[in-house]
């Protein structure tokens, strides 16, 4: 019964073996073809309008493509002109530098014949890391014979035109996710780099713990696709043993811990977000721990020394609440659920002490609430404030902790003011049925009849089957006050319902990510119930897990960006008209 001492059996060798095998599989799928381990590192930064350089091929050449790779800088404009003799110049391209070009190879396909190409900054504020010219059908950049500067450099200039052509071996003919940022990587991965280099951070719309964690991959592997995605892949892999431990503690049996974790490994959302520089993978992992710790607190009796031992679960829950809230605000929604679970636990403790005619409930409750002030207010607030350390170290403003409140107001004003229409946004009531996945990346310049996509889409078996299981768990488990059912209900509602009243009107399916582990736990709860009450329960379990495995393989190309035929993408993978990828 909910509220009695948790008789959790110790892990056996089988637990460790299964957990390690699942973690290994998750790690392989997360890191496999994650991204290039090299990328341009040197750059030219114009400091004044009119500054530039001239590229000389040594002879007149036909140019069909120009690829540009840019760094931090959300503004600026470059005029590119061509000439065959160096005397008469003709306009070729005008490039506007925007945020979506950061650490991303952008191609300009416009054929021209020239010996000389002149780059001139019309507006400054950008960094040009590398440029490469290509002729049609050739995958190697055209050789450059000479580069000479033009115009007067400004006081803020860095480098020169030679640095734009010093890493030609890293220039791809076809840009794709392996060599470029995509979707919100241009914010989170970029900020991680800015933390490392102590550059004024561009992104301020979320707390900074997640971006600080991403920065470790940049420190270790450089500002490369592999580097800026490395820590997300680590987190997505470590989510597996964390979830195994939580499921083992909730169900008390190796079988159900294995089934739950296997479904997590087969879940598309976890895999997609393990393979990109996105901070949600950290927040969801922290959320699993904070709710599981509170669940275990509710199962810990105060008798026979349990009162003092119970504080470790409160401390763990509060610690991971602080970590989750320091990644994104929406994980803070779960704090209401933690409060409800705490209240339920205290009411159970009161009943328990009455049954055993024990005294001292008021004193113990007072001590517990006092400890909660520290664990759930002081500790999270300290972690949250500390998450701004890399931001303050990188900003050029003379700011400090005293400005923390102003940062929060700016953040709130930003999210409240998000009104732009986005083609892949979706409202909160459509999330449970996965009506509108977010198209993160679409491959271009592919062979005719081919398609390449990465989308935030889950495993249909887990999402739809898990949703049905969740509703069934509430119907079957809540009347019996089943501890897992109560935790799943409170956690799900606290994470989901606030989106109905959120001031932000442009929302996305990935905001539903924290609820996905709860769907999996609900599915396993139903597996256990059916196996205990139905003669063919194990067959139902095998059918569900087998379906999830098949669909994981089926949708794997959309999880990882594998190129497939266009008919397969349009017919086999796009099940609903609203699935636009």
Protein backbone atom coordinates (compact mmCIF):
# COMPACT_ATOMS: atom_id res chain seq x y z
CA UNK A 1 0.00 0.00 0.00
CA UNK A 2 1.09 3.58 -0.68
CA UNK A 3 2.78 4.91 2.41
CA UNK A 4 4.35 1.76 3.78
CA UNK A 5 8.06 1.02 3.86
CA UNK A 6 9.25 0.28 0.36
CA UNK A 7 10.51 -3.24 0.13
CA UNK A 8 12.71 -2.72 -2.90
CA UNK A 9 14.79 -5.81 -3.61
CA UNK A 10 18.49 -5.35 -4.22
CA UNK A 11 19.85 -5.33 -7.74
CA UNK A 12 21.11 -8.63 -9.05
CA UNK A 13 23.75 -9.31 -11.65
CA UNK A 14 21.01 -9.58 -14.25
CA UNK A 15 19.98 -6.00 -13.54
CA UNK A 16 23.47 -4.68 -14.13
CA UNK A 17 23.90 -6.72 -17.29
CA UNK A 18 20.58 -5.64 -18.83
CA UNK A 19 21.09 -2.04 -17.85
CA UNK A 20 24.58 -1.99 -19.38
CA UNK A 21 23.39 -3.64 -22.62
CA UNK A 22 20.55 -1.15 -23.02
CA UNK A 23 22.90 1.74 -22.25
CA UNK A 24 25.38 0.45 -24.80
CA UNK A 25 22.69 0.25 -27.48
CA UNK A 26 21.48 3.76 -26.61
CA UNK A 27 25.04 5.07 -26.78
CA UNK A 28 25.71 3.49 -30.17
CA UNK A 29 22.54 4.91 -31.71
CA UNK A 30 23.17 8.33 -30.14
CA UNK A 31 26.80 8.68 -31.21
CA UNK A 32 26.69 6.86 -34.55
CA UNK A 33 27.22 9.38 -37.38
CA UNK A 34 26.61 12.18 -34.89
CA UNK A 35 28.49 14.78 -36.90
CA UNK A 36 31.88 15.71 -38.30
CA UNK A 37 34.78 15.95 -35.87
CA UNK A 38 36.34 18.75 -37.86
CA UNK A 39 35.15 22.19 -38.87
CA UNK A 40 36.61 25.59 -39.78
CA UNK A 41 38.14 27.33 -36.78
CA UNK A 42 39.77 30.51 -38.13
CA UNK A 43 37.82 33.52 -39.36
CA UNK A 44 37.83 36.98 -40.82
CA UNK A 45 35.77 39.62 -39.06
CA UNK A 46 35.41 42.94 -40.92
CA UNK A 47 35.44 45.97 -38.68
CA UNK A 48 34.32 48.66 -41.14
CA UNK A 49 32.09 48.97 -44.19
CA UNK A 50 34.15 48.80 -47.38
CA UNK A 51 36.67 46.37 -45.94
CA UNK A 52 37.18 43.19 -47.93
CA UNK A 53 39.45 41.11 -50.12
CA UNK A 54 39.88 39.90 -53.69
CA UNK A 55 40.23 36.23 -54.60
CA UNK A 56 42.31 35.39 -57.69
CA UNK A 57 41.90 31.95 -59.30
CA UNK A 58 44.94 32.56 -61.54
CA UNK A 59 42.83 32.03 -64.65
CA UNK A 60 39.25 32.50 -65.76
CA UNK A 61 37.11 29.76 -64.23
CA UNK A 62 33.47 28.82 -64.25
CA UNK A 63 31.96 28.91 -60.75
CA UNK A 64 28.61 27.21 -60.12
CA UNK A 65 28.44 27.22 -56.33
CA UNK A 66 29.76 29.26 -53.42
CA UNK A 67 29.57 27.75 -49.94
CA UNK A 68 29.96 30.01 -46.92
CA UNK A 69 30.48 29.05 -43.27
CA UNK A 70 29.88 31.74 -40.69
CA UNK A 71 30.27 32.17 -36.95
CA UNK A 72 28.70 34.32 -34.23
CA UNK A 73 27.12 37.48 -35.51
CA UNK A 74 23.45 38.03 -36.18
CA UNK A 75 23.77 40.95 -38.54
CA UNK A 76 25.73 42.20 -41.48
CA UNK A 77 25.79 42.16 -45.25
CA UNK A 78 28.43 41.31 -47.85
CA UNK A 79 28.56 42.33 -51.52
CA UNK A 80 30.28 39.85 -53.81
CA UNK A 81 31.40 40.98 -57.26
CA UNK A 82 33.23 39.21 -60.10
CA UNK A 83 35.61 40.21 -62.84
CA UNK A 84 37.50 38.51 -65.65
CA UNK A 85 40.27 41.14 -65.94
CA UNK A 86 40.36 42.82 -62.51
CA UNK A 87 39.26 46.14 -63.96
CA UNK A 88 35.58 45.82 -64.78
CA UNK A 89 33.45 44.43 -61.94
CA UNK A 90 29.95 42.98 -62.07
CA UNK A 91 27.61 42.18 -59.19
CA UNK A 92 27.25 38.46 -58.44
CA UNK A 93 25.73 37.97 -54.96
CA UNK A 94 24.63 39.97 -51.96
CA UNK A 95 24.65 37.92 -48.76
CA UNK A 96 22.68 38.98 -45.71
CA UNK A 97 24.14 37.46 -42.57
CA UNK A 98 21.52 36.25 -40.10
CA UNK A 99 21.32 34.10 -37.01
CA UNK A 100 20.25 31.04 -39.00
CA UNK A 101 23.61 31.06 -40.81
CA UNK A 102 25.70 30.59 -37.65
CA UNK A 103 28.09 27.61 -37.86
CA UNK A 104 26.16 26.43 -40.89
CA UNK A 105 27.36 25.88 -44.42
CA UNK A 106 25.09 27.88 -46.70
CA UNK A 107 25.27 27.41 -50.43
CA UNK A 108 24.72 30.00 -53.12
CA UNK A 109 24.01 28.41 -56.49
CA UNK A 110 24.47 30.95 -59.25
CA UNK A 111 26.75 30.27 -62.20
CA UNK A 112 29.33 32.87 -63.20
CA UNK A 113 32.56 33.00 -65.18
CA UNK A 114 35.38 34.96 -63.56
CA UNK A 115 39.02 35.09 -62.59
CA UNK A 116 38.55 37.48 -59.68
CA UNK A 117 35.94 37.54 -56.92
CA UNK A 118 35.70 40.56 -54.61
CA UNK A 119 34.14 40.36 -51.13
CA UNK A 120 33.20 43.72 -49.61
CA UNK A 121 31.48 44.22 -46.25
CA UNK A 122 28.49 46.53 -46.56
CA UNK A 123 27.45 46.09 -42.94
CA UNK A 124 29.64 44.59 -40.23
CA UNK A 125 28.82 42.33 -37.29
CA UNK A 126 29.59 38.87 -38.66
CA UNK A 127 32.45 36.40 -38.78
CA UNK A 128 33.23 34.59 -42.02
CA UNK A 129 35.05 31.34 -41.21
CA UNK A 130 35.43 29.74 -44.61
CA UNK A 131 34.34 30.09 -48.23
CA UNK A 132 34.68 27.58 -51.05
CA UNK A 133 34.00 27.81 -54.80
CA UNK A 134 32.84 24.77 -56.73
CA UNK A 135 32.35 23.92 -60.38
CA UNK A 136 29.38 21.77 -61.32
CA UNK A 137 29.99 18.08 -60.79
CA UNK A 138 33.20 18.60 -58.78
CA UNK A 139 33.39 17.88 -55.06
CA UNK A 140 36.77 19.57 -54.51
CA UNK A 141 36.88 23.37 -54.12
CA UNK A 142 38.45 25.37 -56.93
CA UNK A 143 42.06 26.23 -56.09
CA UNK A 144 42.78 29.83 -55.14
CA UNK A 145 46.04 31.35 -56.44
CA UNK A 146 46.11 34.58 -54.47
CA UNK A 147 44.16 36.71 -51.97
CA UNK A 148 44.73 40.41 -51.40
CA UNK A 149 42.93 42.88 -49.13
CA UNK A 150 40.85 45.87 -50.28
CA UNK A 151 39.57 48.83 -48.27
CA UNK A 152 40.71 50.08 -44.91
CA UNK A 153 40.31 47.69 -41.98
CA UNK A 154 38.38 48.99 -38.97
CA UNK A 155 39.56 49.01 -35.39
CA UNK A 156 37.36 45.99 -34.64
CA UNK A 157 38.70 43.93 -37.55
CA UNK A 158 40.04 40.45 -36.89
CA UNK A 159 42.04 38.35 -39.33
CA UNK A 160 42.08 38.85 -43.09
CA UNK A 161 40.80 37.22 -46.26
CA UNK A 162 43.48 34.52 -46.24
CA UNK A 163 41.81 32.93 -43.20
CA UNK A 164 38.65 32.47 -45.24
CA UNK A 165 40.46 29.99 -47.52
CA UNK A 166 42.91 28.27 -45.17
CA UNK A 167 40.75 25.21 -44.34
CA UNK A 168 39.52 24.18 -47.76
CA UNK A 169 39.75 20.48 -46.94
CA UNK A 170 36.84 20.98 -44.52
CA UNK A 171 34.57 22.59 -47.11
CA UNK A 172 31.79 20.22 -48.24
CA UNK A 173 30.14 20.41 -51.62
CA UNK A 174 26.80 19.54 -50.07
CA UNK A 175 25.90 21.03 -46.67
CA UNK A 176 23.97 18.74 -44.33
CA UNK A 177 23.47 18.06 -40.61
CA UNK A 178 26.87 16.35 -40.35
CA UNK A 179 28.74 19.59 -41.04
CA UNK A 180 26.26 22.28 -40.00
CA UNK A 181 23.92 23.36 -37.23
CA UNK A 182 20.19 22.93 -37.60
CA UNK A 183 17.07 24.15 -35.80
CA UNK A 184 17.73 25.45 -32.26
CA UNK A 185 21.38 24.41 -32.36
CA UNK A 186 21.97 27.89 -33.78
CA UNK A 187 20.98 29.20 -30.34
CA UNK A 188 22.00 26.57 -27.79
CA UNK A 189 25.15 25.27 -29.48
CA UNK A 190 26.20 28.79 -30.35
CA UNK A 191 25.80 29.97 -26.77
CA UNK A 192 27.90 27.03 -25.58
CA UNK A 193 30.70 28.26 -27.85
CA UNK A 194 30.26 31.82 -26.62
CA UNK A 195 30.62 30.63 -23.03
CA UNK A 196 33.90 28.93 -23.90
CA UNK A 197 35.29 31.89 -25.81
CA UNK A 198 33.89 34.54 -23.41
CA UNK A 199 31.95 36.19 -26.25
CA UNK A 200 28.85 38.25 -25.51
CA UNK A 201 26.08 35.57 -25.44
CA UNK A 202 23.35 35.98 -28.01
CA UNK A 203 20.69 33.77 -26.41
CA UNK A 204 19.15 34.70 -23.05
CA UNK A 205 15.65 33.22 -23.31
CA UNK A 206 16.36 30.21 -21.06
CA UNK A 207 18.45 29.66 -17.94
CA UNK A 208 21.97 28.63 -18.81
CA UNK A 209 22.72 25.26 -17.21
CA UNK A 210 21.92 23.27 -20.34
CA UNK A 211 24.09 25.47 -22.56
CA UNK A 212 26.88 25.34 -19.99
CA UNK A 213 26.74 21.53 -20.10
CA UNK A 214 26.90 21.63 -23.91
CA UNK A 215 30.02 23.78 -23.65
CA UNK A 216 32.05 20.87 -22.25
CA UNK A 217 31.78 19.06 -25.57
CA UNK A 218 33.01 22.21 -27.31
CA UNK A 219 35.97 22.42 -24.92
CA UNK A 220 36.93 18.79 -25.48
CA UNK A 221 36.27 18.38 -29.21
CA UNK A 222 36.34 21.93 -30.54
CA UNK A 223 33.59 23.91 -32.20
CA UNK A 224 32.63 21.06 -34.50
CA UNK A 225 29.30 19.29 -35.05
CA UNK A 226 30.54 16.38 -32.93
CA UNK A 227 31.73 18.78 -30.25
CA UNK A 228 28.57 20.83 -29.86
CA UNK A 229 26.38 17.66 -29.85
CA UNK A 230 28.61 15.49 -27.66
CA UNK A 231 27.12 16.30 -24.26
CA UNK A 232 23.56 15.87 -25.53
CA UNK A 233 24.51 12.38 -26.71
CA UNK A 234 26.06 11.70 -23.29
CA UNK A 235 22.87 12.84 -21.54
CA UNK A 236 20.65 10.81 -23.86
CA UNK A 237 22.76 7.76 -23.13
CA UNK A 238 22.86 8.32 -19.35
CA UNK A 239 19.08 8.76 -19.31
CA UNK A 240 18.90 4.99 -19.87
CA UNK A 241 20.54 3.81 -16.59
CA UNK A 242 18.75 6.61 -14.73
CA UNK A 243 15.41 5.41 -16.05
CA UNK A 244 16.28 1.78 -15.37
CA UNK A 245 16.98 2.65 -11.74
CA UNK A 246 13.71 4.56 -11.47
CA UNK A 247 11.65 1.77 -13.07
CA UNK A 248 13.41 -0.84 -10.92
CA UNK A 249 12.55 1.14 -7.81
CA UNK A 250 8.95 1.72 -8.84
CA UNK A 251 8.07 -1.81 -9.95
CA UNK A 252 10.50 -3.76 -7.79
CA UNK A 253 11.26 -6.35 -10.49
CA UNK A 254 13.97 -6.76 -13.08
CA UNK A 255 11.47 -7.73 -15.78
CA UNK A 256 9.53 -4.49 -15.64
CA UNK A 257 12.61 -2.32 -15.26
CA UNK A 258 13.98 -3.94 -18.41
CA UNK A 259 10.73 -3.52 -20.35
CA UNK A 260 10.41 0.14 -19.36
CA UNK A 261 13.99 0.95 -20.28
CA UNK A 262 13.77 -0.99 -23.54
CA UNK A 263 10.78 1.14 -24.53
CA UNK A 264 12.76 4.28 -23.66
CA UNK A 265 15.62 3.11 -25.88
CA UNK A 266 13.12 2.49 -28.68
CA UNK A 267 11.52 5.92 -28.24
CA UNK A 268 12.20 8.38 -31.03
CA UNK A 269 12.10 11.60 -29.01
CA UNK A 270 14.94 10.47 -26.77
CA UNK A 271 17.06 9.51 -29.76
CA UNK A 272 16.39 12.67 -31.78
CA UNK A 273 17.23 14.95 -28.88
CA UNK A 274 20.31 12.90 -28.02
CA UNK A 275 21.72 13.74 -31.44
CA UNK A 276 21.43 17.51 -31.48
CA UNK A 277 22.68 20.43 -29.40
CA UNK A 278 19.36 20.91 -27.64
CA UNK A 279 19.02 21.36 -23.88
CA UNK A 280 15.75 19.45 -23.39
CA UNK A 281 17.57 16.13 -23.07
CA UNK A 282 19.13 17.41 -19.83
CA UNK A 283 15.87 18.75 -18.43
CA UNK A 284 13.93 15.54 -19.04
CA UNK A 285 16.65 13.43 -17.41
CA UNK A 286 16.62 15.67 -14.33
CA UNK A 287 12.81 15.53 -14.22
CA UNK A 288 12.85 11.72 -14.09
CA UNK A 289 15.09 11.80 -11.01
CA UNK A 290 13.17 14.53 -9.16
CA UNK A 291 9.83 12.73 -9.46
CA UNK A 292 11.26 9.31 -8.72
CA UNK A 293 12.95 10.62 -5.57
CA UNK A 294 9.66 12.11 -4.35
CA UNK A 295 7.93 8.84 -5.19
CA UNK A 296 10.42 6.98 -3.03
CA UNK A 297 9.95 9.50 -0.24
CA UNK A 298 6.24 8.68 -0.27
CA UNK A 299 7.09 4.98 0.13
CA UNK A 300 9.45 5.48 3.05
CA UNK A 301 7.95 4.85 6.47
CA UNK A 302 8.98 7.01 9.44
CA UNK A 303 9.15 3.96 11.70
CA UNK A 304 12.36 2.22 12.80
CA UNK A 305 14.66 5.09 11.82
CA UNK A 306 12.95 5.74 8.51
CA UNK A 307 12.25 9.37 9.39
CA UNK A 308 15.89 10.41 9.16
CA UNK A 309 16.50 8.21 6.10
CA UNK A 310 13.57 9.79 4.27
CA UNK A 311 15.37 13.13 4.07
CA UNK A 312 17.83 11.80 1.50
CA UNK A 313 14.95 11.39 -0.96
CA UNK A 314 13.75 14.93 -0.31
CA UNK A 315 17.28 16.23 -0.79
CA UNK A 316 17.66 14.32 -4.06
CA UNK A 317 14.32 15.55 -5.36
CA UNK A 318 15.07 19.17 -4.49
CA UNK A 319 18.54 18.98 -6.02
CA UNK A 320 17.23 17.74 -9.35
CA UNK A 321 14.36 20.21 -9.30
CA UNK A 322 16.98 22.93 -9.17
CA UNK A 323 18.92 21.35 -12.01
CA UNK A 324 15.80 20.92 -14.18
CA UNK A 325 14.56 24.47 -13.56
CA UNK A 326 18.03 25.77 -14.49
CA UNK A 327 17.67 24.22 -17.94
CA UNK A 328 14.23 25.60 -18.84
CA UNK A 329 11.38 27.18 -16.94
CA UNK A 330 8.81 24.64 -18.08
CA UNK A 331 10.46 21.96 -15.94
CA UNK A 332 9.66 24.13 -12.94
CA UNK A 333 6.01 23.28 -13.55
CA UNK A 334 6.75 19.93 -11.96
CA UNK A 335 7.34 21.59 -8.59
CA UNK A 336 3.56 21.77 -8.10
CA UNK A 337 3.41 18.03 -8.61
CA UNK A 338 6.19 17.50 -6.09
CA UNK A 339 4.24 19.57 -3.56
CA UNK A 340 1.12 17.45 -4.10
CA UNK A 341 3.08 14.21 -3.73
CA UNK A 342 4.67 15.59 -0.55
CA UNK A 343 1.25 16.42 0.88
CA UNK A 344 -0.02 12.93 0.05
CA UNK A 345 3.03 11.40 1.72
CA UNK A 346 2.53 13.47 4.89
CA UNK A 347 -1.13 12.47 5.08
CA UNK A 348 -0.09 8.84 4.76
CA UNK A 349 2.49 9.26 7.52
CA UNK A 350 -0.20 10.75 9.75
CA UNK A 351 -2.45 7.77 9.14
CA UNK A 352 0.43 5.38 9.74
CA UNK A 353 1.28 6.93 13.10
CA UNK A 354 -2.36 6.78 14.16
CA UNK A 355 -2.57 3.10 13.25
CA UNK A 356 0.46 2.33 15.39
CA UNK A 357 -0.54 4.80 18.13
CA UNK A 358 2.71 6.74 17.81
CA UNK A 359 3.17 10.35 18.88
CA UNK A 360 5.21 13.20 17.52
CA UNK A 361 3.62 13.70 14.13
CA UNK A 362 3.42 17.50 14.44
CA UNK A 363 7.09 17.77 15.41
CA UNK A 364 8.20 15.50 12.58
CA UNK A 365 6.02 17.28 10.05
CA UNK A 366 7.40 20.64 11.16
CA UNK A 367 10.97 19.36 10.75
CA UNK A 368 10.06 17.94 7.35
CA UNK A 369 8.55 21.22 6.13
CA UNK A 370 11.53 23.15 7.44
CA UNK A 371 13.84 20.80 5.56
CA UNK A 372 11.70 21.24 2.44
CA UNK A 373 12.22 24.99 2.58
CA UNK A 374 15.93 24.30 2.31
CA UNK A 375 15.75 21.43 -0.19
CA UNK A 376 13.09 22.89 -2.50
CA UNK A 377 13.67 26.63 -2.19
CA UNK A 378 17.18 27.43 -1.03
CA UNK A 379 19.00 24.69 -2.94
CA UNK A 380 17.15 25.17 -6.28
CA UNK A 381 17.50 28.95 -6.00
CA UNK A 382 21.23 28.55 -5.43
CA UNK A 383 21.61 26.21 -8.40
CA UNK A 384 19.54 28.52 -10.58
CA UNK A 385 21.62 31.56 -9.64
CA UNK A 386 24.84 29.61 -10.19
CA UNK A 387 23.67 28.63 -13.69
CA UNK A 388 24.17 32.27 -14.68
CA UNK A 389 27.89 32.15 -13.86
CA UNK A 390 29.07 31.33 -17.42
CA UNK A 391 26.70 33.97 -18.80
CA UNK A 392 28.06 36.64 -16.48
CA UNK A 393 31.63 35.62 -17.27
CA UNK A 394 31.01 35.95 -21.00
CA UNK A 395 28.96 39.14 -21.08
CA UNK A 396 30.68 42.46 -21.56
CA UNK A 397 28.12 44.23 -19.39
CA UNK A 398 29.00 45.06 -15.80
CA UNK A 399 26.32 42.75 -14.45
CA UNK A 400 26.22 40.46 -11.46
CA UNK A 401 23.86 38.44 -9.31
CA UNK A 402 22.11 41.70 -8.44
CA UNK A 403 20.81 41.75 -12.01
CA UNK A 404 19.32 38.26 -11.81
CA UNK A 405 15.76 39.52 -11.37
CA UNK A 406 16.09 41.76 -14.41
CA UNK A 407 17.17 38.74 -16.46
CA UNK A 408 14.06 36.84 -15.37
CA UNK A 409 11.81 39.72 -16.36
CA UNK A 410 13.47 39.88 -19.77
CA UNK A 411 12.99 36.15 -20.17
CA UNK A 412 9.33 36.32 -19.22
CA UNK A 413 8.70 39.26 -21.53
CA UNK A 414 10.31 37.36 -24.39
CA UNK A 415 8.21 34.22 -24.00
CA UNK A 416 5.02 36.19 -23.41
CA UNK A 417 5.72 38.14 -26.57
CA UNK A 418 6.39 35.18 -28.87
CA UNK A 419 3.65 35.67 -31.46
CA UNK A 420 5.36 34.82 -34.74
CA UNK A 421 3.64 32.17 -36.79
CA UNK A 422 5.76 29.04 -37.13
CA UNK A 423 4.84 26.32 -39.65
CA UNK A 424 5.60 23.54 -37.15
CA UNK A 425 4.11 25.00 -33.99
CA UNK A 426 1.22 23.15 -32.33
CA UNK A 427 -1.17 23.76 -29.47
CA UNK A 428 -0.97 21.84 -26.23
CA UNK A 429 -4.15 19.80 -26.76
CA UNK A 430 -2.71 18.22 -29.93
CA UNK A 431 0.48 16.93 -28.31
CA UNK A 432 -0.75 13.62 -26.82
CA UNK A 433 -1.75 12.32 -30.26
CA UNK A 434 1.43 13.65 -31.90
CA UNK A 435 -0.55 15.64 -34.44
CA UNK A 436 2.24 17.96 -35.56
CA UNK A 437 5.86 16.77 -35.24
CA UNK A 438 8.53 19.45 -35.52
CA UNK A 439 10.58 19.22 -38.70
CA UNK A 440 14.10 19.95 -37.47
CA UNK A 441 16.08 19.35 -40.63
CA UNK A 442 15.40 18.78 -44.30
CA UNK A 443 18.19 17.72 -46.64
CA UNK A 444 18.73 19.72 -49.80
CA UNK A 445 20.70 19.19 -52.97
CA UNK A 446 19.83 15.50 -53.02
CA UNK A 447 19.66 13.20 -56.00
CA UNK A 448 16.28 13.18 -57.74
CA UNK A 449 13.78 11.00 -55.93
CA UNK A 450 15.60 11.08 -52.59
CA UNK A 451 14.62 12.65 -49.26
CA UNK A 452 16.36 13.32 -45.96
CA UNK A 453 14.70 14.55 -42.79
CA UNK A 454 15.12 14.78 -39.03
CA UNK A 455 11.91 15.34 -37.11
CA UNK A 456 10.87 15.51 -33.45
CA UNK A 457 8.53 12.57 -33.73
CA UNK A 458 8.02 9.82 -31.20
CA UNK A 459 7.47 6.11 -31.56
CA UNK A 460 3.73 5.81 -32.36
CA UNK A 461 3.41 2.63 -30.29
CA UNK A 462 4.87 4.34 -27.23
CA UNK A 463 2.94 7.59 -27.64
CA UNK A 464 -0.48 6.25 -28.61
CA UNK A 465 -0.27 3.01 -26.70
CA UNK A 466 1.23 4.81 -23.72
CA UNK A 467 -1.55 7.39 -23.74
CA UNK A 468 -4.20 4.66 -23.68
CA UNK A 469 -2.28 2.91 -20.92
CA UNK A 470 -2.02 6.12 -18.91
CA UNK A 471 -5.78 6.61 -18.97
CA UNK A 472 -6.29 2.97 -17.99
CA UNK A 473 -3.78 3.27 -15.14
CA UNK A 474 -5.70 6.21 -13.73
CA UNK A 475 -8.98 4.30 -13.95
CA UNK A 476 -7.60 1.10 -12.42
CA UNK A 477 -4.88 2.34 -10.12
CA UNK A 478 -6.11 5.59 -8.58
CA UNK A 479 -9.16 4.06 -6.85
CA UNK A 480 -6.77 1.56 -5.23
CA UNK A 481 -4.33 4.32 -4.33
CA UNK A 482 -1.58 2.48 -6.19
CA UNK A 483 1.66 4.38 -5.56
CA UNK A 484 2.88 4.31 -9.16
CA UNK A 485 -0.54 5.34 -10.51
CA UNK A 486 -0.69 8.28 -8.09
CA UNK A 487 2.80 9.44 -9.03
CA UNK A 488 2.09 9.16 -12.76
CA UNK A 489 -1.16 11.10 -12.43
CA UNK A 490 0.30 13.92 -10.36
CA UNK A 491 3.50 14.20 -12.41
CA UNK A 492 1.69 14.18 -15.76
CA UNK A 493 -0.90 16.75 -14.75
CA UNK A 494 1.64 19.09 -13.17
CA UNK A 495 3.86 19.04 -16.26
CA UNK A 496 1.07 19.21 -18.84
CA UNK A 497 -1.82 21.32 -17.51
CA UNK A 498 0.20 24.57 -17.06
CA UNK A 499 0.61 24.76 -20.83
CA UNK A 500 -3.14 25.37 -21.07
CA UNK A 501 -2.71 28.71 -19.29
CA UNK A 502 0.83 29.56 -20.39
CA UNK A 503 1.19 33.12 -21.73
CA UNK A 504 3.27 31.76 -24.58
CA UNK A 505 1.02 31.13 -27.58
CA UNK A 506 3.60 29.61 -29.97
CA UNK A 507 4.42 26.16 -28.65
CA UNK A 508 5.87 22.95 -30.08
CA UNK A 509 5.54 19.21 -29.68
CA UNK A 510 8.92 19.00 -27.95
CA UNK A 511 7.35 20.74 -24.94
CA UNK A 512 5.60 17.39 -24.36
CA UNK A 513 8.93 15.56 -24.01
CA UNK A 514 8.87 15.41 -20.14
CA UNK A 515 5.62 13.43 -20.30
CA UNK A 516 7.04 10.69 -22.54
CA UNK A 517 8.80 8.74 -19.72
CA UNK A 518 5.48 8.80 -17.86
CA UNK A 519 3.73 7.21 -20.85
CA UNK A 520 6.32 4.44 -20.82
CA UNK A 521 5.87 3.78 -17.10
CA UNK A 522 2.11 3.70 -17.62
CA UNK A 523 2.51 1.14 -20.41
CA UNK A 524 4.62 -1.07 -18.15
CA UNK A 525 2.12 -0.71 -15.31
CA UNK A 526 -0.54 -2.06 -17.65
CA UNK A 527 1.75 -4.87 -18.78
CA UNK A 528 2.18 -5.92 -15.16
CA UNK A 529 -1.56 -5.69 -14.51
CA UNK A 530 -2.42 -7.77 -17.57
CA UNK A 531 0.21 -10.38 -16.80
CA UNK A 532 -1.14 -10.72 -13.27
CA UNK A 533 -4.83 -10.81 -14.23
CA UNK A 534 -5.01 -12.24 -17.75
CA UNK A 535 -3.80 -15.69 -18.89
CA UNK A 536 -2.37 -14.25 -22.11
CA UNK A 537 -0.94 -11.14 -20.54
CA UNK A 538 2.62 -11.96 -21.53
CA UNK A 539 1.59 -12.34 -25.15
CA UNK A 540 0.13 -8.84 -25.03
CA UNK A 541 3.39 -7.56 -23.59
CA UNK A 542 5.41 -9.24 -26.32
CA UNK A 543 3.09 -7.85 -29.00
CA UNK A 544 3.35 -4.30 -27.69
CA UNK A 545 7.12 -4.32 -27.26
CA UNK A 546 7.57 -6.05 -30.62
CA UNK A 547 5.44 -3.38 -32.32
CA UNK A 548 7.50 -0.64 -30.68
CA UNK A 549 10.72 -2.30 -31.92
CA UNK A 550 9.40 -2.56 -35.49
CA UNK A 551 8.27 1.07 -35.50
CA UNK A 552 11.63 2.20 -34.11
CA UNK A 553 13.33 0.64 -37.12
CA UNK A 554 10.58 1.92 -39.41
CA UNK A 555 11.02 5.55 -38.35
CA UNK A 556 14.77 5.35 -37.75
CA UNK A 557 15.56 7.33 -40.95
CA UNK A 558 13.54 10.29 -39.64
CA UNK A 559 15.17 10.04 -36.20
CA UNK A 560 18.72 10.13 -37.58
CA UNK A 561 18.64 11.80 -40.99
CA UNK A 562 19.25 8.74 -43.17
CA UNK A 563 18.55 9.38 -46.84
CA UNK A 564 15.63 7.36 -48.22
CA UNK A 565 13.53 7.48 -51.36
CA UNK A 566 10.98 10.26 -51.64
CA UNK A 567 8.06 7.81 -52.14
CA UNK A 568 9.06 5.97 -48.94
CA UNK A 569 9.16 9.26 -47.03
CA UNK A 570 5.83 10.44 -48.41
CA UNK A 571 3.89 7.18 -48.17
CA UNK A 572 5.49 4.89 -45.60
CA UNK A 573 6.64 7.45 -43.04
CA UNK A 574 4.16 10.28 -43.36
CA UNK A 575 1.15 8.63 -41.76
CA UNK A 576 -0.89 11.77 -41.19
CA UNK A 577 -1.36 14.79 -43.46
CA UNK A 578 -0.12 17.03 -40.64
CA UNK A 579 3.21 15.20 -40.49
CA UNK A 580 5.21 17.58 -42.64
CA UNK A 581 8.70 16.21 -43.23
